[in-house]
Amino acid sequence: MSGGGKTAGGPDRHGPGNQETDQPFKPTESEQEEIGVKYLLPNSNTLLTAALFNIDQMFGGWQTAQKTHFADGGTFDQIYRPGR
């Protein structure tokens, strides 16, 4: 490329995609199941939120989530520090 410029699709482009191949992510089609609640405590600046989501789509099911996040050495063990 002459002139030292960068192209829009080159390695310096910004946006979501696979950084190894410099290709955009392929879209997926699915149904979304979501329930959410927000509650602003009276006389306070505290906003409580809760949301439920489909674990099969996010984490590959309960067995995969258990193994990845809660089994010995999983994510929970890596971030939990008793007594802090």
N, C-alpha and C. Protein backbone atom coordinates (compact mmCIF):
# COMPACT_ATOMS: atom_id res chain seq x y z
N MET A 1 0.86 -1.17 0.00
CA MET A 1 0.00 0.00 0.00
C MET A 1 0.90 1.23 0.00
N SER A 2 0.64 2.16 -0.84
CA SER A 2 1.48 3.36 -0.90
C SER A 2 0.93 4.46 -0.02
N GLY A 3 1.77 5.36 0.37
CA GLY A 3 1.34 6.52 1.15
C GLY A 3 1.26 6.27 2.64
N GLY A 4 1.48 5.06 3.11
CA GLY A 4 1.52 4.78 4.54
C GLY A 4 0.17 4.81 5.22
N GLY A 5 -0.94 4.94 4.48
CA GLY A 5 -2.26 4.98 5.12
C GLY A 5 -2.75 3.60 5.49
N LYS A 6 -3.82 3.56 6.22
CA LYS A 6 -4.41 2.30 6.64
C LYS A 6 -5.79 2.17 5.98
N THR A 7 -6.16 0.96 5.62
CA THR A 7 -7.48 0.76 5.02
C THR A 7 -8.50 0.50 6.11
N ALA A 8 -9.76 0.72 5.79
CA ALA A 8 -10.82 0.55 6.78
C ALA A 8 -10.91 -0.89 7.27
N GLY A 9 -10.57 -1.86 6.43
CA GLY A 9 -10.66 -3.26 6.84
C GLY A 9 -9.35 -3.82 7.35
N GLY A 10 -8.34 -2.99 7.47
CA GLY A 10 -7.01 -3.45 7.88
C GLY A 10 -6.92 -3.74 9.35
N PRO A 11 -5.74 -4.14 9.80
CA PRO A 11 -5.57 -4.56 11.18
C PRO A 11 -5.81 -3.47 12.21
N ASP A 12 -5.80 -2.22 11.82
CA ASP A 12 -6.01 -1.14 12.79
C ASP A 12 -7.45 -0.67 12.85
N ARG A 13 -8.36 -1.36 12.16
CA ARG A 13 -9.76 -0.93 12.22
C ARG A 13 -10.31 -1.20 13.62
N HIS A 14 -11.29 -0.44 13.99
CA HIS A 14 -11.90 -0.61 15.30
C HIS A 14 -13.26 -1.23 15.13
N GLY A 15 -13.67 -2.04 16.09
CA GLY A 15 -14.98 -2.66 16.05
C GLY A 15 -14.88 -4.13 16.41
N PRO A 16 -16.04 -4.76 16.61
CA PRO A 16 -16.03 -6.16 17.02
C PRO A 16 -15.58 -7.06 15.89
N GLY A 17 -14.90 -8.12 16.25
CA GLY A 17 -14.46 -9.09 15.26
C GLY A 17 -13.38 -9.98 15.81
N ASN A 18 -12.96 -10.92 15.00
CA ASN A 18 -11.89 -11.84 15.37
C ASN A 18 -10.56 -11.15 15.12
N GLN A 19 -9.80 -10.91 16.16
CA GLN A 19 -8.54 -10.17 16.03
C GLN A 19 -7.47 -11.00 15.32
N GLU A 20 -7.57 -12.33 15.37
CA GLU A 20 -6.57 -13.17 14.71
C GLU A 20 -6.75 -13.16 13.20
N THR A 21 -7.99 -13.16 12.72
CA THR A 21 -8.24 -13.20 11.28
C THR A 21 -8.68 -11.86 10.72
N ASP A 22 -8.91 -10.87 11.59
CA ASP A 22 -9.39 -9.55 11.19
C ASP A 22 -10.72 -9.62 10.43
N GLN A 23 -11.56 -10.59 10.80
CA GLN A 23 -12.87 -10.73 10.19
C GLN A 23 -13.94 -10.39 11.22
N PRO A 24 -15.04 -9.79 10.78
CA PRO A 24 -16.13 -9.52 11.73
C PRO A 24 -16.75 -10.82 12.23
N PHE A 25 -17.34 -10.78 13.41
CA PHE A 25 -18.02 -11.95 13.95
C PHE A 25 -19.19 -12.30 13.06
N LYS A 26 -19.47 -13.59 12.92
CA LYS A 26 -20.64 -14.03 12.16
C LYS A 26 -21.86 -13.91 13.06
N PRO A 27 -22.94 -13.35 12.53
CA PRO A 27 -24.15 -13.20 13.35
C PRO A 27 -24.78 -14.55 13.66
N THR A 28 -25.44 -14.62 14.79
CA THR A 28 -26.18 -15.82 15.15
C THR A 28 -27.64 -15.44 15.28
N GLU A 29 -28.49 -16.40 15.00
CA GLU A 29 -29.92 -16.19 15.16
C GLU A 29 -30.39 -17.05 16.32
N SER A 30 -31.19 -16.45 17.19
CA SER A 30 -31.72 -17.21 18.32
C SER A 30 -32.90 -16.47 18.90
N GLU A 31 -33.58 -17.17 19.78
CA GLU A 31 -34.63 -16.53 20.54
C GLU A 31 -34.02 -16.11 21.87
N GLN A 32 -34.47 -15.02 22.39
CA GLN A 32 -33.95 -14.53 23.65
C GLN A 32 -35.03 -14.61 24.71
N GLU A 33 -34.65 -15.18 25.83
CA GLU A 33 -35.55 -15.23 26.98
C GLU A 33 -34.90 -14.42 28.08
N GLU A 34 -35.57 -13.39 28.52
CA GLU A 34 -34.99 -12.52 29.53
C GLU A 34 -36.07 -11.93 30.41
N ILE A 35 -35.78 -11.88 31.68
CA ILE A 35 -36.66 -11.25 32.64
C ILE A 35 -35.80 -10.30 33.46
N GLY A 36 -36.27 -9.09 33.68
CA GLY A 36 -35.48 -8.14 34.45
C GLY A 36 -36.35 -7.29 35.35
N VAL A 37 -35.75 -6.84 36.43
CA VAL A 37 -36.44 -6.00 37.40
C VAL A 37 -35.48 -4.89 37.84
N LYS A 38 -35.99 -3.70 37.97
CA LYS A 38 -35.23 -2.58 38.53
C LYS A 38 -36.06 -1.96 39.64
N TYR A 39 -35.39 -1.60 40.74
CA TYR A 39 -36.10 -1.00 41.87
C TYR A 39 -35.24 0.10 42.48
N LEU A 40 -35.76 1.32 42.50
CA LEU A 40 -35.08 2.45 43.11
C LEU A 40 -35.57 2.56 44.54
N LEU A 41 -34.65 2.41 45.49
CA LEU A 41 -35.03 2.50 46.89
C LEU A 41 -35.55 3.89 47.21
N PRO A 42 -36.66 3.99 47.92
CA PRO A 42 -37.21 5.30 48.28
C PRO A 42 -36.21 6.11 49.11
N ASN A 43 -36.16 7.39 48.87
CA ASN A 43 -35.28 8.31 49.60
C ASN A 43 -33.82 7.90 49.53
N SER A 44 -33.41 7.36 48.39
CA SER A 44 -32.04 6.89 48.26
C SER A 44 -31.61 7.00 46.79
N ASN A 45 -30.33 6.99 46.58
CA ASN A 45 -29.80 6.93 45.21
C ASN A 45 -29.41 5.50 44.84
N THR A 46 -29.96 4.52 45.54
CA THR A 46 -29.61 3.13 45.31
C THR A 46 -30.61 2.48 44.36
N LEU A 47 -30.09 1.95 43.26
CA LEU A 47 -30.90 1.25 42.28
C LEU A 47 -30.52 -0.22 42.32
N LEU A 48 -31.48 -1.09 42.60
CA LEU A 48 -31.25 -2.53 42.61
C LEU A 48 -31.74 -3.11 41.29
N THR A 49 -30.95 -3.98 40.68
CA THR A 49 -31.36 -4.61 39.43
C THR A 49 -31.11 -6.11 39.51
N ALA A 50 -31.92 -6.86 38.81
CA ALA A 50 -31.75 -8.30 38.70
C ALA A 50 -32.21 -8.72 37.31
N ALA A 51 -31.53 -9.72 36.74
CA ALA A 51 -31.91 -10.22 35.43
C ALA A 51 -31.69 -11.72 35.37
N LEU A 52 -32.56 -12.40 34.67
CA LEU A 52 -32.43 -13.82 34.41
C LEU A 52 -32.18 -14.00 32.92
N PHE A 53 -31.38 -14.99 32.57
CA PHE A 53 -31.07 -15.22 31.17
C PHE A 53 -31.02 -16.72 30.91
N ASN A 54 -30.93 -17.10 29.65
CA ASN A 54 -30.89 -18.49 29.25
C ASN A 54 -29.46 -19.00 29.34
N ILE A 55 -29.18 -19.88 30.30
CA ILE A 55 -27.82 -20.36 30.53
C ILE A 55 -27.32 -21.24 29.39
N ASP A 56 -28.23 -21.88 28.66
CA ASP A 56 -27.79 -22.71 27.53
C ASP A 56 -27.10 -21.87 26.46
N GLN A 57 -27.64 -20.70 26.17
CA GLN A 57 -27.04 -19.85 25.14
C GLN A 57 -25.79 -19.15 25.66
N MET A 58 -25.81 -18.69 26.88
CA MET A 58 -24.67 -17.92 27.41
C MET A 58 -23.47 -18.80 27.75
N PHE A 59 -23.71 -19.99 28.34
CA PHE A 59 -22.61 -20.78 28.87
C PHE A 59 -22.61 -22.23 28.41
N GLY A 60 -23.50 -22.62 27.51
CA GLY A 60 -23.51 -23.99 27.02
C GLY A 60 -24.20 -24.99 27.92
N GLY A 61 -25.00 -24.53 28.85
CA GLY A 61 -25.75 -25.42 29.74
C GLY A 61 -25.17 -25.45 31.14
N TRP A 62 -25.94 -26.09 32.04
CA TRP A 62 -25.55 -26.12 33.45
C TRP A 62 -24.27 -26.90 33.69
N GLN A 63 -24.07 -28.01 32.99
CA GLN A 63 -22.87 -28.82 33.21
C GLN A 63 -21.61 -28.04 32.83
N THR A 64 -21.65 -27.34 31.72
CA THR A 64 -20.50 -26.54 31.29
C THR A 64 -20.27 -25.38 32.25
N ALA A 65 -21.34 -24.72 32.66
CA ALA A 65 -21.20 -23.60 33.60
C ALA A 65 -20.63 -24.08 34.93
N GLN A 66 -21.10 -25.22 35.42
CA GLN A 66 -20.60 -25.78 36.68
C GLN A 66 -19.10 -26.05 36.58
N LYS A 67 -18.70 -26.73 35.52
CA LYS A 67 -17.29 -27.09 35.34
C LYS A 67 -16.40 -25.85 35.20
N THR A 68 -16.84 -24.89 34.41
CA THR A 68 -16.04 -23.69 34.14
C THR A 68 -15.96 -22.76 35.34
N HIS A 69 -17.08 -22.54 36.03
CA HIS A 69 -17.14 -21.49 37.02
C HIS A 69 -17.11 -21.96 38.48
N PHE A 70 -17.59 -23.19 38.77
CA PHE A 70 -17.75 -23.57 40.17
C PHE A 70 -16.99 -24.82 40.59
N ALA A 71 -16.45 -25.60 39.67
CA ALA A 71 -15.65 -26.77 40.03
C ALA A 71 -14.33 -26.29 40.64
N ASP A 72 -13.62 -27.19 41.30
CA ASP A 72 -12.32 -26.84 41.88
C ASP A 72 -11.43 -26.20 40.83
N GLY A 73 -10.89 -25.03 41.17
CA GLY A 73 -10.02 -24.29 40.25
C GLY A 73 -10.75 -23.44 39.24
N GLY A 74 -12.09 -23.41 39.30
CA GLY A 74 -12.88 -22.64 38.34
C GLY A 74 -12.83 -21.15 38.64
N THR A 75 -13.61 -20.39 37.90
CA THR A 75 -13.64 -18.93 38.02
C THR A 75 -13.91 -18.48 39.45
N PHE A 76 -14.87 -19.12 40.12
CA PHE A 76 -15.20 -18.72 41.49
C PHE A 76 -13.98 -18.85 42.40
N ASP A 77 -13.26 -19.95 42.30
CA ASP A 77 -12.07 -20.14 43.13
C ASP A 77 -11.00 -19.09 42.83
N GLN A 78 -10.93 -18.63 41.62
CA GLN A 78 -9.92 -17.65 41.23
C GLN A 78 -10.22 -16.26 41.76
N ILE A 79 -11.50 -15.93 41.93
CA ILE A 79 -11.84 -14.57 42.37
C ILE A 79 -12.23 -14.48 43.84
N TYR A 80 -12.64 -15.60 44.45
CA TYR A 80 -13.08 -15.57 45.84
C TYR A 80 -11.89 -15.54 46.79
N ARG A 81 -11.92 -14.60 47.70
CA ARG A 81 -10.87 -14.47 48.71
C ARG A 81 -11.54 -14.40 50.06
N PRO A 82 -11.57 -15.51 50.82
CA PRO A 82 -12.22 -15.49 52.12
C PRO A 82 -11.54 -14.51 53.06
N GLY A 83 -12.32 -13.90 53.92
CA GLY A 83 -11.78 -12.97 54.90
C GLY A 83 -11.49 -11.57 54.38
N ARG A 84 -11.86 -11.29 53.18
CA ARG A 84 -11.61 -9.93 52.63
C ARG A 84 -12.81 -9.08 52.84
